[in-house]
Amino acid sequence: MIRAVESDADLEAWVEVKNAVVPNEPTTVEQVRASEADTRTLLLAHADGRVAGCAIVDRSNFGGKAFIAVRVLPELRRRGIGRELAQAAAGHARALDRDGVNCFVYADEPHSIAFAEHFGL
């Protein structure tokens, strides 16, 4: 199940997943709140009764595109959660009326590169 972050508990769960998946770029609930924008959407994915992943969608600072970042907990990957998050994020990105999408992955994460390439990013 994919849904938008709506409550403080949702935001805490989003930050927890983001920090678990990208530990070298830690964030806090306060930092995420402080960077809130009307164009930003935060999504949570649930599987097996628990939070499994998160995504962010917003306008990109590069080339008039939208920005999407999809993150899935390592132990829950390869189950379609990332695909569902990417599809939901793409729908929100379309609403931003941009001319494309970009994302960033680490060069030392071949699984992340393969995921982005699978979606034409």
PDB file of N, CA and C in Angstrom:
ATOM      1  N   MET A   1       0.842  -1.171   0.000  1.00  0.00           N
ATOM      2  CA  MET A   1       0.000   0.000   0.000  1.00  0.00           C
ATOM      3  C   MET A   1       0.895   1.245   0.000  1.00  0.00           C
ATOM      4  N   ILE A   2       0.582   2.183  -0.862  1.00  0.00           N
ATOM      5  CA  ILE A   2       1.305   3.446  -0.956  1.00  0.00           C
ATOM      6  C   ILE A   2       0.348   4.558  -0.548  1.00  0.00           C
ATOM      7  N   ARG A   3       0.841   5.452   0.292  1.00  0.00           N
ATOM      8  CA  ARG A   3       0.015   6.606   0.666  1.00  0.00           C
ATOM      9  C   ARG A   3       0.909   7.782   1.019  1.00  0.00           C
ATOM     10  N   ALA A   4       0.316   8.960   0.978  1.00  0.00           N
ATOM     11  CA  ALA A   4       1.046  10.186   1.307  1.00  0.00           C
ATOM     12  C   ALA A   4       1.251  10.290   2.812  1.00  0.00           C
ATOM     13  N   VAL A   5       2.338  10.918   3.196  1.00  0.00           N
ATOM     14  CA  VAL A   5       2.608  11.219   4.591  1.00  0.00           C
ATOM     15  C   VAL A   5       1.594  12.273   5.034  1.00  0.00           C
ATOM     16  N   GLU A   6       0.879  11.975   6.123  1.00  0.00           N
ATOM     17  CA  GLU A   6      -0.160  12.893   6.591  1.00  0.00           C
ATOM     18  C   GLU A   6      -0.022  13.282   8.058  1.00  0.00           C
ATOM     19  N   SER A   7       0.615  12.456   8.849  1.00  0.00           N
ATOM     20  CA  SER A   7       0.668  12.702  10.291  1.00  0.00           C
ATOM     21  C   SER A   7       2.112  12.797  10.777  1.00  0.00           C
ATOM     22  N   ASP A   8       2.262  13.196  12.024  1.00  0.00           N
ATOM     23  CA  ASP A   8       3.594  13.221  12.629  1.00  0.00           C
ATOM     24  C   ASP A   8       4.200  11.817  12.647  1.00  0.00           C
ATOM     25  N   ALA A   9       3.389  10.813  12.954  1.00  0.00           N
ATOM     26  CA  ALA A   9       3.884   9.431  12.975  1.00  0.00           C
ATOM     27  C   ALA A   9       4.336   8.999  11.579  1.00  0.00           C
ATOM     28  N   ASP A  10       3.586   9.409  10.557  1.00  0.00           N
ATOM     29  CA  ASP A  10       3.995   9.106   9.175  1.00  0.00           C
ATOM     30  C   ASP A  10       5.345   9.748   8.869  1.00  0.00           C
ATOM     31  N   LEU A  11       5.494  11.007   9.256  1.00  0.00           N
ATOM     32  CA  LEU A  11       6.739  11.714   8.974  1.00  0.00           C
ATOM     33  C   LEU A  11       7.908  11.061   9.705  1.00  0.00           C
ATOM     34  N   GLU A  12       7.698  10.651  10.939  1.00  0.00           N
ATOM     35  CA  GLU A  12       8.744   9.950  11.686  1.00  0.00           C
ATOM     36  C   GLU A  12       9.121   8.646  10.991  1.00  0.00           C
ATOM     37  N   ALA A  13       8.137   7.918  10.491  1.00  0.00           N
ATOM     38  CA  ALA A  13       8.413   6.671   9.778  1.00  0.00           C
ATOM     39  C   ALA A  13       9.170   6.950   8.486  1.00  0.00           C
ATOM     40  N   TRP A  14       8.787   8.006   7.769  1.00  0.00           N
ATOM     41  CA  TRP A  14       9.467   8.375   6.525  1.00  0.00           C
ATOM     42  C   TRP A  14      10.939   8.655   6.801  1.00  0.00           C
ATOM     43  N   VAL A  15      11.215   9.451   7.835  1.00  0.00           N
ATOM     44  CA  VAL A  15      12.597   9.793   8.193  1.00  0.00           C
ATOM     45  C   VAL A  15      13.372   8.546   8.605  1.00  0.00           C
ATOM     46  N   GLU A  16      12.739   7.667   9.338  1.00  0.00           N
ATOM     47  CA  GLU A  16      13.406   6.434   9.773  1.00  0.00           C
ATOM     48  C   GLU A  16      13.835   5.584   8.576  1.00  0.00           C
ATOM     49  N   VAL A  17      12.947   5.421   7.599  1.00  0.00           N
ATOM     50  CA  VAL A  17      13.297   4.643   6.405  1.00  0.00           C
ATOM     51  C   VAL A  17      14.389   5.347   5.618  1.00  0.00           C
ATOM     52  N   LYS A  18      14.234   6.633   5.399  1.00  0.00           N
ATOM     53  CA  LYS A  18      15.231   7.372   4.622  1.00  0.00           C
ATOM     54  C   LYS A  18      16.606   7.242   5.260  1.00  0.00           C
ATOM     55  N   ASN A  19      16.689   7.381   6.575  1.00  0.00           N
ATOM     56  CA  ASN A  19      17.969   7.286   7.266  1.00  0.00           C
ATOM     57  C   ASN A  19      18.525   5.858   7.251  1.00  0.00           C
ATOM     58  N   ALA A  20      17.669   4.860   7.275  1.00  0.00           N
ATOM     59  CA  ALA A  20      18.132   3.470   7.211  1.00  0.00           C
ATOM     60  C   ALA A  20      18.717   3.152   5.842  1.00  0.00           C
ATOM     61  N   VAL A  21      18.115   3.705   4.796  1.00  0.00           N
ATOM     62  CA  VAL A  21      18.551   3.400   3.433  1.00  0.00           C
ATOM     63  C   VAL A  21      19.722   4.285   3.010  1.00  0.00           C
ATOM     64  N   VAL A  22      19.748   5.517   3.485  1.00  0.00           N
ATOM     65  CA  VAL A  22      20.805   6.465   3.111  1.00  0.00           C
ATOM     66  C   VAL A  22      21.456   6.995   4.398  1.00  0.00           C
ATOM     67  N   PRO A  23      22.196   6.136   5.096  1.00  0.00           N
ATOM     68  CA  PRO A  23      22.746   6.551   6.397  1.00  0.00           C
ATOM     69  C   PRO A  23      23.808   7.647   6.313  1.00  0.00           C
ATOM     70  N   ASN A  24      24.416   7.806   5.153  1.00  0.00           N
ATOM     71  CA  ASN A  24      25.441   8.841   5.012  1.00  0.00           C
ATOM     72  C   ASN A  24      24.839  10.222   4.736  1.00  0.00           C
ATOM     73  N   GLU A  25      23.506  10.325   4.640  1.00  0.00           N
ATOM     74  CA  GLU A  25      22.812  11.598   4.491  1.00  0.00           C
ATOM     75  C   GLU A  25      21.683  11.666   5.521  1.00  0.00           C
ATOM     76  N   PRO A  26      22.012  11.613   6.806  1.00  0.00           N
ATOM     77  CA  PRO A  26      20.950  11.578   7.814  1.00  0.00           C
ATOM     78  C   PRO A  26      20.132  12.865   7.838  1.00  0.00           C
ATOM     79  N   THR A  27      18.882  12.709   8.201  1.00  0.00           N
ATOM     80  CA  THR A  27      17.991  13.856   8.332  1.00  0.00           C
ATOM     81  C   THR A  27      17.180  13.683   9.600  1.00  0.00           C
ATOM     82  N   THR A  28      16.468  14.710   9.972  1.00  0.00           N
ATOM     83  CA  THR A  28      15.595  14.667  11.140  1.00  0.00           C
ATOM     84  C   THR A  28      14.196  15.100  10.716  1.00  0.00           C
ATOM     85  N   VAL A  29      13.242  14.806  11.555  1.00  0.00           N
ATOM     86  CA  VAL A  29      11.873  15.251  11.303  1.00  0.00           C
ATOM     87  C   VAL A  29      11.854  16.774  11.183  1.00  0.00           C
ATOM     88  N   GLU A  30      12.590  17.444  12.037  1.00  0.00           N
ATOM     89  CA  GLU A  30      12.613  18.904  12.022  1.00  0.00           C
ATOM     90  C   GLU A  30      13.176  19.436  10.701  1.00  0.00           C
ATOM     91  N   GLN A  31      14.226  18.811  10.191  1.00  0.00           N
ATOM     92  CA  GLN A  31      14.805  19.244   8.912  1.00  0.00           C
ATOM     93  C   GLN A  31      13.823  19.035   7.768  1.00  0.00           C
ATOM     94  N   VAL A  32      13.135  17.916   7.770  1.00  0.00           N
ATOM     95  CA  VAL A  32      12.170  17.646   6.699  1.00  0.00           C
ATOM     96  C   VAL A  32      11.019  18.637   6.773  1.00  0.00           C
ATOM     97  N   ARG A  33      10.553  18.912   7.968  1.00  0.00           N
ATOM     98  CA  ARG A  33       9.483  19.918   8.124  1.00  0.00           C
ATOM     99  C   ARG A  33       9.945  21.294   7.645  1.00  0.00           C
ATOM    100  N   ALA A  34      11.166  21.664   7.973  1.00  0.00           N
ATOM    101  CA  ALA A  34      11.686  22.985   7.613  1.00  0.00           C
ATOM    102  C   ALA A  34      11.837  23.159   6.110  1.00  0.00           C
ATOM    103  N   SER A  35      11.980  22.064   5.391  1.00  0.00           N
ATOM    104  CA  SER A  35      12.148  22.155   3.935  1.00  0.00           C
ATOM    105  C   SER A  35      10.838  21.903   3.188  1.00  0.00           C
ATOM    106  N   GLU A  36       9.736  21.939   3.904  1.00  0.00           N
ATOM    107  CA  GLU A  36       8.423  21.699   3.305  1.00  0.00           C
ATOM    108  C   GLU A  36       8.138  22.707   2.199  1.00  0.00           C
ATOM    109  N   ALA A  37       7.527  22.221   1.141  1.00  0.00           N
ATOM    110  CA  ALA A  37       7.138  23.071   0.003  1.00  0.00           C
ATOM    111  C   ALA A  37       5.798  22.601  -0.525  1.00  0.00           C
ATOM    112  N   ASP A  38       5.034  23.515  -1.092  1.00  0.00           N
ATOM    113  CA  ASP A  38       3.732  23.157  -1.663  1.00  0.00           C
ATOM    114  C   ASP A  38       3.857  22.123  -2.767  1.00  0.00           C
ATOM    115  N   THR A  39       5.001  22.081  -3.427  1.00  0.00           N
ATOM    116  CA  THR A  39       5.201  21.176  -4.557  1.00  0.00           C
ATOM    117  C   THR A  39       5.719  19.807  -4.137  1.00  0.00           C
ATOM    118  N   ARG A  40       6.114  19.652  -2.889  1.00  0.00           N
ATOM    119  CA  ARG A  40       6.720  18.401  -2.418  1.00  0.00           C
ATOM    120  C   ARG A  40       5.666  17.415  -1.946  1.00  0.00           C
ATOM    121  N   THR A  41       5.885  16.149  -2.292  1.00  0.00           N
ATOM    122  CA  THR A  41       5.052  15.058  -1.799  1.00  0.00           C
ATOM    123  C   THR A  41       5.960  14.008  -1.183  1.00  0.00           C
ATOM    124  N   LEU A  42       5.609  13.566   0.015  1.00  0.00           N
ATOM    125  CA  LEU A  42       6.304  12.471   0.676  1.00  0.00           C
ATOM    126  C   LEU A  42       5.371  11.272   0.693  1.00  0.00           C
ATOM    127  N   LEU A  43       5.883  10.113   0.300  1.00  0.00           N
ATOM    128  CA  LEU A  43       5.088   8.894   0.232  1.00  0.00           C
ATOM    129  C   LEU A  43       5.672   7.821   1.136  1.00  0.00           C
ATOM    130  N   LEU A  44       4.812   6.978   1.659  1.00  0.00           N
ATOM    131  CA  LEU A  44       5.213   5.805   2.432  1.00  0.00           C
ATOM    132  C   LEU A  44       4.647   4.554   1.780  1.00  0.00           C
ATOM    133  N   ALA A  45       5.432   3.498   1.812  1.00  0.00           N
ATOM    134  CA  ALA A  45       4.965   2.194   1.332  1.00  0.00           C
ATOM    135  C   ALA A  45       4.899   1.250   2.525  1.00  0.00           C
ATOM    136  N   HIS A  46       3.850   0.451   2.565  1.00  0.00           N
ATOM    137  CA  HIS A  46       3.687  -0.554   3.610  1.00  0.00           C
ATOM    138  C   HIS A  46       3.623  -1.941   2.972  1.00  0.00           C
ATOM    139  N   ALA A  47       4.208  -2.903   3.649  1.00  0.00           N
ATOM    140  CA  ALA A  47       4.141  -4.302   3.218  1.00  0.00           C
ATOM    141  C   ALA A  47       4.232  -5.172   4.465  1.00  0.00           C
ATOM    142  N   ASP A  48       3.498  -6.227   4.472  1.00  0.00           N
ATOM    143  CA  ASP A  48       3.524  -7.158   5.603  1.00  0.00           C
ATOM    144  C   ASP A  48       3.261  -6.453   6.934  1.00  0.00           C
ATOM    145  N   GLY A  49       2.389  -5.442   6.912  1.00  0.00           N
ATOM    146  CA  GLY A  49       2.002  -4.758   8.131  1.00  0.00           C
ATOM    147  C   GLY A  49       3.028  -3.805   8.702  1.00  0.00           C
ATOM    148  N   ARG A  50       4.027  -3.442   7.900  1.00  0.00           N
ATOM    149  CA  ARG A  50       5.042  -2.509   8.398  1.00  0.00           C
ATOM    150  C   ARG A  50       5.465  -1.555   7.303  1.00  0.00           C
ATOM    151  N   VAL A  51       6.098  -0.462   7.696  1.00  0.00           N
ATOM    152  CA  VAL A  51       6.627   0.490   6.719  1.00  0.00           C
ATOM    153  C   VAL A  51       7.777  -0.190   5.996  1.00  0.00           C
ATOM    154  N   ALA A  52       7.754  -0.121   4.670  1.00  0.00           N
ATOM    155  CA  ALA A  52       8.743  -0.824   3.853  1.00  0.00           C
ATOM    156  C   ALA A  52       9.594   0.113   3.012  1.00  0.00           C
ATOM    157  N   GLY A  53       9.085   1.312   2.734  1.00  0.00           N
ATOM    158  CA  GLY A  53       9.826   2.223   1.869  1.00  0.00           C
ATOM    159  C   GLY A  53       9.240   3.615   1.920  1.00  0.00           C
ATOM    160  N   CYS A  54       9.948   4.528   1.266  1.00  0.00           N
ATOM    161  CA  CYS A  54       9.490   5.908   1.209  1.00  0.00           C
ATOM    162  C   CYS A  54       9.932   6.529  -0.111  1.00  0.00           C
ATOM    163  N   ALA A  55       9.317   7.629  -0.446  1.00  0.00           N
ATOM    164  CA  ALA A  55       9.688   8.365  -1.665  1.00  0.00           C
ATOM    165  C   ALA A  55       9.439   9.844  -1.433  1.00  0.00           C
ATOM    166  N   ILE A  56      10.158  10.637  -2.204  1.00  0.00           N
ATOM    167  CA  ILE A  56       9.958  12.077  -2.215  1.00  0.00           C
ATOM    168  C   ILE A  56       9.827  12.511  -3.665  1.00  0.00           C
ATOM    169  N   VAL A  57       8.942  13.458  -3.899  1.00  0.00           N
ATOM    170  CA  VAL A  57       8.740  14.039  -5.226  1.00  0.00           C
ATOM    171  C   VAL A  57       8.705  15.550  -5.049  1.00  0.00           C
ATOM    172  N   ASP A  58       9.414  16.244  -5.905  1.00  0.00           N
ATOM    173  CA  ASP A  58       9.377  17.710  -5.858  1.00  0.00           C
ATOM    174  C   ASP A  58       9.925  18.238  -7.169  1.00  0.00           C
ATOM    175  N   ARG A  59       9.898  19.523  -7.319  1.00  0.00           N
ATOM    176  CA  ARG A  59      10.558  20.148  -8.463  1.00  0.00           C
ATOM    177  C   ARG A  59      12.061  19.989  -8.283  1.00  0.00           C
ATOM    178  N   SER A  60      12.741  19.708  -9.373  1.00  0.00           N
ATOM    179  CA  SER A  60      14.195  19.601  -9.346  1.00  0.00           C
ATOM    180  C   SER A  60      14.810  20.975  -9.567  1.00  0.00           C
ATOM    181  N   ASN A  61      16.006  21.146  -9.082  1.00  0.00           N
ATOM    182  CA  ASN A  61      16.757  22.366  -9.354  1.00  0.00           C
ATOM    183  C   ASN A  61      17.508  22.269 -10.671  1.00  0.00           C
ATOM    184  N   PHE A  62      17.395  21.144 -11.353  1.00  0.00           N
ATOM    185  CA  PHE A  62      18.139  20.900 -12.578  1.00  0.00           C
ATOM    186  C   PHE A  62      17.217  20.780 -13.784  1.00  0.00           C
ATOM    187  N   GLY A  63      17.348  21.688 -14.709  1.00  0.00           N
ATOM    188  CA  GLY A  63      16.737  21.562 -16.024  1.00  0.00           C
ATOM    189  C   GLY A  63      15.233  21.539 -16.102  1.00  0.00           C
ATOM    190  N   GLY A  64      14.539  22.157 -15.183  1.00  0.00           N
ATOM    191  CA  GLY A  64      13.084  22.220 -15.277  1.00  0.00           C
ATOM    192  C   GLY A  64      12.394  20.877 -15.152  1.00  0.00           C
ATOM    193  N   LYS A  65      13.007  19.947 -14.466  1.00  0.00           N
ATOM    194  CA  LYS A  65      12.459  18.607 -14.309  1.00  0.00           C
ATOM    195  C   LYS A  65      11.903  18.420 -12.899  1.00  0.00           C
ATOM    196  N   ALA A  66      11.243  17.308 -12.701  1.00  0.00           N
ATOM    197  CA  ALA A  66      10.836  16.896 -11.361  1.00  0.00           C
ATOM    198  C   ALA A  66      11.941  16.007 -10.792  1.00  0.00           C
ATOM    199  N   PHE A  67      11.978  15.897  -9.484  1.00  0.00           N
ATOM    200  CA  PHE A  67      12.932  15.046  -8.797  1.00  0.00           C
ATOM    201  C   PHE A  67      12.159  13.956  -8.072  1.00  0.00           C
ATOM    202  N   ILE A  68      12.628  12.727  -8.198  1.00  0.00           N
ATOM    203  CA  ILE A  68      12.036  11.587  -7.502  1.00  0.00           C
ATOM    204  C   ILE A  68      13.147  10.815  -6.814  1.00  0.00           C
ATOM    205  N   ALA A  69      12.922  10.448  -5.573  1.00  0.00           N
ATOM    206  CA  ALA A  69      13.823   9.542  -4.862  1.00  0.00           C
ATOM    207  C   ALA A  69      12.973   8.459  -4.215  1.00  0.00           C
ATOM    208  N   VAL A  70      13.288   7.223  -4.532  1.00  0.00           N
ATOM    209  CA  VAL A  70      12.567   6.062  -4.012  1.00  0.00           C
ATOM    210  C   VAL A  70      13.535   5.269  -3.144  1.00  0.00           C
ATOM    211  N   ARG A  71      13.083   4.893  -1.959  1.00  0.00           N
ATOM    212  CA  ARG A  71      13.932   4.132  -1.045  1.00  0.00           C
ATOM    213  C   ARG A  71      13.134   2.986  -0.438  1.00  0.00           C
ATOM    214  N   VAL A  72      13.720   1.804  -0.457  1.00  0.00           N
ATOM    215  CA  VAL A  72      13.077   0.616   0.109  1.00  0.00           C
ATOM    216  C   VAL A  72      14.068  -0.036   1.070  1.00  0.00           C
ATOM    217  N   LEU A  73      13.579  -0.447   2.224  1.00  0.00           N
ATOM    218  CA  LEU A  73      14.445  -1.121   3.188  1.00  0.00           C
ATOM    219  C   LEU A  73      15.090  -2.342   2.531  1.00  0.00           C
ATOM    220  N   PRO A  74      16.375  -2.549   2.744  1.00  0.00           N
ATOM    221  CA  PRO A  74      17.095  -3.635   2.051  1.00  0.00           C
ATOM    222  C   PRO A  74      16.444  -5.002   2.187  1.00  0.00           C
ATOM    223  N   GLU A  75      15.947  -5.330   3.351  1.00  0.00           N
ATOM    224  CA  GLU A  75      15.370  -6.664   3.559  1.00  0.00           C
ATOM    225  C   GLU A  75      14.026  -6.847   2.861  1.00  0.00           C
ATOM    226  N   LEU A  76      13.454  -5.764   2.315  1.00  0.00           N
ATOM    227  CA  LEU A  76      12.154  -5.852   1.644  1.00  0.00           C
ATOM    228  C   LEU A  76      12.242  -5.560   0.149  1.00  0.00           C
ATOM    229  N   ARG A  77      13.443  -5.508  -0.377  1.00  0.00           N
ATOM    230  CA  ARG A  77      13.623  -5.240  -1.813  1.00  0.00           C
ATOM    231  C   ARG A  77      13.314  -6.480  -2.637  1.00  0.00           C
ATOM    232  N   ARG A  78      13.145  -6.232  -3.939  1.00  0.00           N
ATOM    233  CA  ARG A  78      12.881  -7.282  -4.934  1.00  0.00           C
ATOM    234  C   ARG A  78      11.493  -7.903  -4.750  1.00  0.00           C
ATOM    235  N   ARG A  79      10.569  -7.085  -4.243  1.00  0.00           N
ATOM    236  CA  ARG A  79       9.193  -7.545  -4.036  1.00  0.00           C
ATOM    237  C   ARG A  79       8.181  -6.636  -4.724  1.00  0.00           C
ATOM    238  N   GLY A  80       8.663  -5.675  -5.515  1.00  0.00           N
ATOM    239  CA  GLY A  80       7.769  -4.770  -6.232  1.00  0.00           C
ATOM    240  C   GLY A  80       7.432  -3.495  -5.493  1.00  0.00           C
ATOM    241  N   ILE A  81       7.946  -3.333  -4.282  1.00  0.00           N
ATOM    242  CA  ILE A  81       7.639  -2.146  -3.488  1.00  0.00           C
ATOM    243  C   ILE A  81       8.229  -0.903  -4.144  1.00  0.00           C
ATOM    244  N   GLY A  82       9.471  -0.998  -4.598  1.00  0.00           N
ATOM    245  CA  GLY A  82      10.108   0.134  -5.270  1.00  0.00           C
ATOM    246  C   GLY A  82       9.379   0.525  -6.536  1.00  0.00           C
ATOM    247  N   ARG A  83       8.936  -0.471  -7.300  1.00  0.00           N
ATOM    248  CA  ARG A  83       8.187  -0.195  -8.528  1.00  0.00           C
ATOM    249  C   ARG A  83       6.893   0.538  -8.205  1.00  0.00           C
ATOM    250  N   GLU A  84       6.174   0.081  -7.188  1.00  0.00           N
ATOM    251  CA  GLU A  84       4.926   0.738  -6.807  1.00  0.00           C
ATOM    252  C   GLU A  84       5.182   2.171  -6.338  1.00  0.00           C
ATOM    253  N   LEU A  85       6.233   2.361  -5.553  1.00  0.00           N
ATOM    254  CA  LEU A  85       6.580   3.714  -5.104  1.00  0.00           C
ATOM    255  C   LEU A  85       6.951   4.601  -6.289  1.00  0.00           C
ATOM    256  N   ALA A  86       7.739   4.053  -7.221  1.00  0.00           N
ATOM    257  CA  ALA A  86       8.146   4.840  -8.399  1.00  0.00           C
ATOM    258  C   ALA A  86       6.935   5.228  -9.235  1.00  0.00           C
ATOM    259  N   GLN A  87       5.999   4.320  -9.407  1.00  0.00           N
ATOM    260  CA  GLN A  87       4.798   4.627 -10.188  1.00  0.00           C
ATOM    261  C   GLN A  87       3.955   5.702  -9.496  1.00  0.00           C
ATOM    262  N   ALA A  88       3.801   5.585  -8.183  1.00  0.00           N
ATOM    263  CA  ALA A  88       3.039   6.598  -7.443  1.00  0.00           C
ATOM    264  C   ALA A  88       3.759   7.946  -7.500  1.00  0.00           C
ATOM    265  N   ALA A  89       5.079   7.922  -7.342  1.00  0.00           N
ATOM    266  CA  ALA A  89       5.857   9.161  -7.398  1.00  0.00           C
ATOM    267  C   ALA A  89       5.750   9.799  -8.781  1.00  0.00           C
ATOM    268  N   ALA A  90       5.775   8.990  -9.829  1.00  0.00           N
ATOM    269  CA  ALA A  90       5.665   9.521 -11.193  1.00  0.00           C
ATOM    270  C   ALA A  90       4.331  10.241 -11.384  1.00  0.00           C
ATOM    271  N   GLY A  91       3.269   9.708 -10.808  1.00  0.00           N
ATOM    272  CA  GLY A  91       1.977  10.381 -10.890  1.00  0.00           C
ATOM    273  C   GLY A  91       2.006  11.754 -10.244  1.00  0.00           C
ATOM    274  N   HIS A  92       2.647  11.855  -9.101  1.00  0.00           N
ATOM    275  CA  HIS A  92       2.777  13.154  -8.433  1.00  0.00           C
ATOM    276  C   HIS A  92       3.696  14.080  -9.233  1.00  0.00           C
ATOM    277  N   ALA A  93       4.730  13.525  -9.841  1.00  0.00           N
ATOM    278  CA  ALA A  93       5.653  14.339 -10.649  1.00  0.00           C
ATOM    279  C   ALA A  93       4.934  14.925 -11.861  1.00  0.00           C
ATOM    280  N   ARG A  94       4.056  14.148 -12.473  1.00  0.00           N
ATOM    281  CA  ARG A  94       3.297  14.655 -13.633  1.00  0.00           C
ATOM    282  C   ARG A  94       2.484  15.884 -13.258  1.00  0.00           C
ATOM    283  N   ALA A  95       1.966  15.896 -12.042  1.00  0.00           N
ATOM    284  CA  ALA A  95       1.151  17.027 -11.590  1.00  0.00           C
ATOM    285  C   ALA A  95       1.983  18.306 -11.434  1.00  0.00           C
ATOM    286  N   LEU A  96       3.307  18.178 -11.397  1.00  0.00           N
ATOM    287  CA  LEU A  96       4.169  19.362 -11.284  1.00  0.00           C
ATOM    288  C   LEU A  96       4.395  20.032 -12.634  1.00  0.00           C
ATOM    289  N   ASP A  97       3.905  19.408 -13.713  1.00  0.00           N
ATOM    290  CA  ASP A  97       3.981  19.968 -15.063  1.00  0.00           C
ATOM    291  C   ASP A  97       5.419  20.324 -15.456  1.00  0.00           C
ATOM    292  N   ARG A  98       6.306  19.373 -15.263  1.00  0.00           N
ATOM    293  CA  ARG A  98       7.702  19.542 -15.646  1.00  0.00           C
ATOM    294  C   ARG A  98       7.952  18.748 -16.925  1.00  0.00           C
ATOM    295  N   ASP A  99       9.116  18.946 -17.541  1.00  0.00           N
ATOM    296  CA  ASP A  99       9.379  18.282 -18.821  1.00  0.00           C
ATOM    297  C   ASP A  99      10.166  16.977 -18.679  1.00  0.00           C
ATOM    298  N   GLY A 100      10.232  16.423 -17.515  1.00  0.00           N
ATOM    299  CA  GLY A 100      10.925  15.155 -17.297  1.00  0.00           C
ATOM    300  C   GLY A 100      11.209  14.961 -15.824  1.00  0.00           C
ATOM    301  N   VAL A 101      11.956  13.901 -15.544  1.00  0.00           N
ATOM    302  CA  VAL A 101      12.256  13.521 -14.168  1.00  0.00           C
ATOM    303  C   VAL A 101      13.743  13.221 -14.057  1.00  0.00           C
ATOM    304  N   ASN A 102      14.310  13.525 -12.917  1.00  0.00           N
ATOM    305  CA  ASN A 102      15.660  13.055 -12.651  1.00  0.00           C
ATOM    306  C   ASN A 102      15.733  12.496 -11.244  1.00  0.00           C
ATOM    307  N   CYS A 103      16.780  11.721 -11.037  1.00  0.00           N
ATOM    308  CA  CYS A 103      17.049  11.167  -9.716  1.00  0.00           C
ATOM    309  C   CYS A 103      18.554  11.009  -9.596  1.00  0.00           C
ATOM    310  N   PHE A 104      19.011  10.727  -8.396  1.00  0.00           N
ATOM    311  CA  PHE A 104      20.438  10.538  -8.155  1.00  0.00           C
ATOM    312  C   PHE A 104      20.636   9.207  -7.450  1.00  0.00           C
ATOM    313  N   VAL A 105      21.677   8.496  -7.834  1.00  0.00           N
ATOM    314  CA  VAL A 105      22.049   7.260  -7.152  1.00  0.00           C
ATOM    315  C   VAL A 105      23.555   7.286  -6.916  1.00  0.00           C
ATOM    316  N   TYR A 106      23.994   6.515  -5.965  1.00  0.00           N
ATOM    317  CA  TYR A 106      25.419   6.422  -5.684  1.00  0.00           C
ATOM    318  C   TYR A 106      26.080   5.466  -6.668  1.00  0.00           C
ATOM    319  N   ALA A 107      27.244   5.846  -7.152  1.00  0.00           N
ATOM    320  CA  ALA A 107      27.978   5.040  -8.134  1.00  0.00           C
ATOM    321  C   ALA A 107      28.384   3.683  -7.577  1.00  0.00           C
ATOM    322  N   ASP A 108      28.484   3.549  -6.258  1.00  0.00           N
ATOM    323  CA  ASP A 108      28.884   2.279  -5.669  1.00  0.00           C
ATOM    324  C   ASP A 108      27.692   1.409  -5.257  1.00  0.00           C
ATOM    325  N   GLU A 109      26.506   1.717  -5.786  1.00  0.00           N
ATOM    326  CA  GLU A 109      25.307   0.930  -5.502  1.00  0.00           C
ATOM    327  C   GLU A 109      24.714   0.401  -6.807  1.00  0.00           C
ATOM    328  N   PRO A 110      25.247  -0.693  -7.320  1.00  0.00           N
ATOM    329  CA  PRO A 110      24.762  -1.213  -8.601  1.00  0.00           C
ATOM    330  C   PRO A 110      23.266  -1.539  -8.605  1.00  0.00           C
ATOM    331  N   HIS A 111      22.717  -1.950  -7.465  1.00  0.00           N
ATOM    332  CA  HIS A 111      21.281  -2.235  -7.405  1.00  0.00           C
ATOM    333  C   HIS A 111      20.463  -0.961  -7.610  1.00  0.00           C
ATOM    334  N   SER A 112      20.946   0.163  -7.074  1.00  0.00           N
ATOM    335  CA  SER A 112      20.245   1.435  -7.259  1.00  0.00           C
ATOM    336  C   SER A 112      20.354   1.918  -8.699  1.00  0.00           C
ATOM    337  N   ILE A 113      21.513   1.750  -9.289  1.00  0.00           N
ATOM    338  CA  ILE A 113      21.707   2.133 -10.696  1.00  0.00           C
ATOM    339  C   ILE A 113      20.793   1.309 -11.580  1.00  0.00           C
ATOM    340  N   ALA A 114      20.745   0.006 -11.350  1.00  0.00           N
ATOM    341  CA  ALA A 114      19.883  -0.870 -12.163  1.00  0.00           C
ATOM    342  C   ALA A 114      18.412  -0.480 -12.013  1.00  0.00           C
ATOM    343  N   PHE A 115      17.988  -0.142 -10.802  1.00  0.00           N
ATOM    344  CA  PHE A 115      16.605   0.264 -10.572  1.00  0.00           C
ATOM    345  C   PHE A 115      16.292   1.529 -11.361  1.00  0.00           C
ATOM    346  N   ALA A 116      17.150   2.537 -11.270  1.00  0.00           N
ATOM    347  CA  ALA A 116      16.926   3.797 -11.994  1.00  0.00           C
ATOM    348  C   ALA A 116      16.933   3.573 -13.498  1.00  0.00           C
ATOM    349  N   GLU A 117      17.863   2.778 -13.999  1.00  0.00           N
ATOM    350  CA  GLU A 117      17.923   2.503 -15.432  1.00  0.00           C
ATOM    351  C   GLU A 117      16.687   1.761 -15.914  1.00  0.00           C
ATOM    352  N   HIS A 118      16.154   0.890 -15.093  1.00  0.00           N
ATOM    353  CA  HIS A 118      14.946   0.136 -15.445  1.00  0.00           C
ATOM    354  C   HIS A 118      13.783   1.092 -15.739  1.00  0.00           C
ATOM    355  N   PHE A 119      13.781   2.231 -15.079  1.00  0.00           N
ATOM    356  CA  PHE A 119      12.720   3.225 -15.273  1.00  0.00           C
ATOM    357  C   PHE A 119      13.129   4.329 -16.229  1.00  0.00           C
ATOM    358  N   GLY A 120      14.246   4.137 -16.918  1.00  0.00           N
ATOM    359  CA  GLY A 120      14.674   5.108 -17.925  1.00  0.00           C
ATOM    360  C   GLY A 120      15.288   6.360 -17.345  1.00  0.00           C
ATOM    361  N   LEU A 121      15.750   6.298 -16.122  1.00  0.00           N
ATOM    362  CA  LEU A 121      16.348   7.471 -15.479  1.00  0.00           C
ATOM    363  C   LEU A 121      17.860   7.420 -15.586  1.00  0.00           C
TER     364      LEU A 121
END
